[in-house]
């Protein structure tokens, strides 16, 4: 599933892994991976699950952000 949601991946010295934030889904929405590639793959899986869950529960999807602008489509 292709989406326009933000994925922020940063190395964490404290955790010794790549930490991923998914800001449109709330400040506590995170995942991680031992490599950058694993972190990205995990982020994509989490996004798919979040989107699927929201749609199944008839909840609105958050609007994707792009460099401070809100997009109208997902």
C-alpha atoms as a PDB file:
ATOM      1  CA  UNK A   1       0.000   0.000   0.000  1.00  0.00           C
ATOM      2  CA  UNK A   2       1.410   3.380  -0.988  1.00  0.00           C
ATOM      3  CA  UNK A   3       0.875   6.299   1.355  1.00  0.00           C
ATOM      4  CA  UNK A   4       2.182   9.836   1.762  1.00  0.00           C
ATOM      5  CA  UNK A   5       2.796   9.675   5.496  1.00  0.00           C
ATOM      6  CA  UNK A   6       5.979  10.942   7.112  1.00  0.00           C
ATOM      7  CA  UNK A   7       8.582   8.431   8.268  1.00  0.00           C
ATOM      8  CA  UNK A   8      11.444   9.839  10.350  1.00  0.00           C
ATOM      9  CA  UNK A   9      14.368   7.481  10.951  1.00  0.00           C
ATOM     10  CA  UNK A  10      17.162   8.409  13.341  1.00  0.00           C
ATOM     11  CA  UNK A  11      20.023   6.514  14.952  1.00  0.00           C
ATOM     12  CA  UNK A  12      19.707   6.257  18.743  1.00  0.00           C
ATOM     13  CA  UNK A  13      22.997   5.936  20.630  1.00  0.00           C
ATOM     14  CA  UNK A  14      21.026   5.159  23.784  1.00  0.00           C
ATOM     15  CA  UNK A  15      19.084   2.275  22.196  1.00  0.00           C
ATOM     16  CA  UNK A  16      21.791   1.258  19.693  1.00  0.00           C
ATOM     17  CA  UNK A  17      19.236   0.972  16.897  1.00  0.00           C
ATOM     18  CA  UNK A  18      17.382   3.092  14.361  1.00  0.00           C
ATOM     19  CA  UNK A  19      14.258   4.620  15.901  1.00  0.00           C
ATOM     20  CA  UNK A  20      11.316   5.515  13.672  1.00  0.00           C
ATOM     21  CA  UNK A  21       8.678   8.163  14.336  1.00  0.00           C
ATOM     22  CA  UNK A  22       5.363   8.362  12.492  1.00  0.00           C
ATOM     23  CA  UNK A  23       4.321  11.913  13.450  1.00  0.00           C
ATOM     24  CA  UNK A  24       0.889  12.070  11.803  1.00  0.00           C
ATOM     25  CA  UNK A  25      -0.191   9.189  14.029  1.00  0.00           C
ATOM     26  CA  UNK A  26       0.751  10.825  17.332  1.00  0.00           C
ATOM     27  CA  UNK A  27       3.840  11.555  19.361  1.00  0.00           C
ATOM     28  CA  UNK A  28       3.989   8.035  20.798  1.00  0.00           C
ATOM     29  CA  UNK A  29       3.825   6.186  17.478  1.00  0.00           C
ATOM     30  CA  UNK A  30       7.269   4.622  17.038  1.00  0.00           C
ATOM     31  CA  UNK A  31       9.009   1.495  15.841  1.00  0.00           C
ATOM     32  CA  UNK A  32      12.662   0.583  15.348  1.00  0.00           C
ATOM     33  CA  UNK A  33      15.167  -1.620  13.548  1.00  0.00           C
ATOM     34  CA  UNK A  34      18.772  -2.761  13.879  1.00  0.00           C
ATOM     35  CA  UNK A  35      19.512  -1.435  10.372  1.00  0.00           C
ATOM     36  CA  UNK A  36      18.106   1.524   8.452  1.00  0.00           C
ATOM     37  CA  UNK A  37      16.485  -0.880   5.995  1.00  0.00           C
ATOM     38  CA  UNK A  38      14.865  -2.906   8.791  1.00  0.00           C
ATOM     39  CA  UNK A  39      13.591   0.281  10.451  1.00  0.00           C
ATOM     40  CA  UNK A  40      12.018   1.423   7.166  1.00  0.00           C
ATOM     41  CA  UNK A  41      10.438  -1.988   6.567  1.00  0.00           C
ATOM     42  CA  UNK A  42       9.004  -2.004  10.108  1.00  0.00           C
ATOM     43  CA  UNK A  43       7.672   1.541   9.625  1.00  0.00           C
ATOM     44  CA  UNK A  44       5.894   0.523   6.431  1.00  0.00           C
ATOM     45  CA  UNK A  45       4.323  -2.468   8.194  1.00  0.00           C
ATOM     46  CA  UNK A  46       3.155  -0.313  11.097  1.00  0.00           C
ATOM     47  CA  UNK A  47       1.683   2.267   8.709  1.00  0.00           C
ATOM     48  CA  UNK A  48      -0.218  -0.448   6.858  1.00  0.00           C
ATOM     49  CA  UNK A  49      -1.629  -1.734  10.155  1.00  0.00           C
ATOM     50  CA  UNK A  50      -2.578   1.759  11.345  1.00  0.00           C
ATOM     51  CA  UNK A  51      -4.350   2.569   8.079  1.00  0.00           C
ATOM     52  CA  UNK A  52      -6.111  -0.800   7.975  1.00  0.00           C
ATOM     53  CA  UNK A  53      -7.239  -0.475  11.594  1.00  0.00           C
ATOM     54  CA  UNK A  54      -8.571   3.055  11.095  1.00  0.00           C
ATOM     55  CA  UNK A  55     -10.479   2.056   7.964  1.00  0.00           C
ATOM     56  CA  UNK A  56     -11.920  -1.077   9.623  1.00  0.00           C
ATOM     57  CA  UNK A  57     -13.082   1.026  12.579  1.00  0.00           C
ATOM     58  CA  UNK A  58     -14.522   3.747  10.318  1.00  0.00           C
ATOM     59  CA  UNK A  59     -12.131   6.281  11.846  1.00  0.00           C
ATOM     60  CA  UNK A  60     -10.759   9.213   9.855  1.00  0.00           C
ATOM     61  CA  UNK A  61      -7.183   8.959   8.638  1.00  0.00           C
ATOM     62  CA  UNK A  62      -4.816  11.737   9.660  1.00  0.00           C
ATOM     63  CA  UNK A  63      -3.835  14.118   6.885  1.00  0.00           C
ATOM     64  CA  UNK A  64      -0.286  13.513   5.611  1.00  0.00           C
ATOM     65  CA  UNK A  65       2.211  16.325   6.192  1.00  0.00           C
ATOM     66  CA  UNK A  66       4.728  17.465   3.590  1.00  0.00           C
ATOM     67  CA  UNK A  67       7.314  20.044   4.658  1.00  0.00           C
ATOM     68  CA  UNK A  68       4.823  21.814   6.891  1.00  0.00           C
ATOM     69  CA  UNK A  69       1.922  21.579   4.438  1.00  0.00           C
ATOM     70  CA  UNK A  70      -1.147  19.376   4.784  1.00  0.00           C
ATOM     71  CA  UNK A  71      -2.021  17.261   1.769  1.00  0.00           C
ATOM     72  CA  UNK A  72      -5.648  16.582   0.892  1.00  0.00           C
ATOM     73  CA  UNK A  73      -5.168  12.979  -0.253  1.00  0.00           C
ATOM     74  CA  UNK A  74      -3.713   9.784   1.211  1.00  0.00           C
END
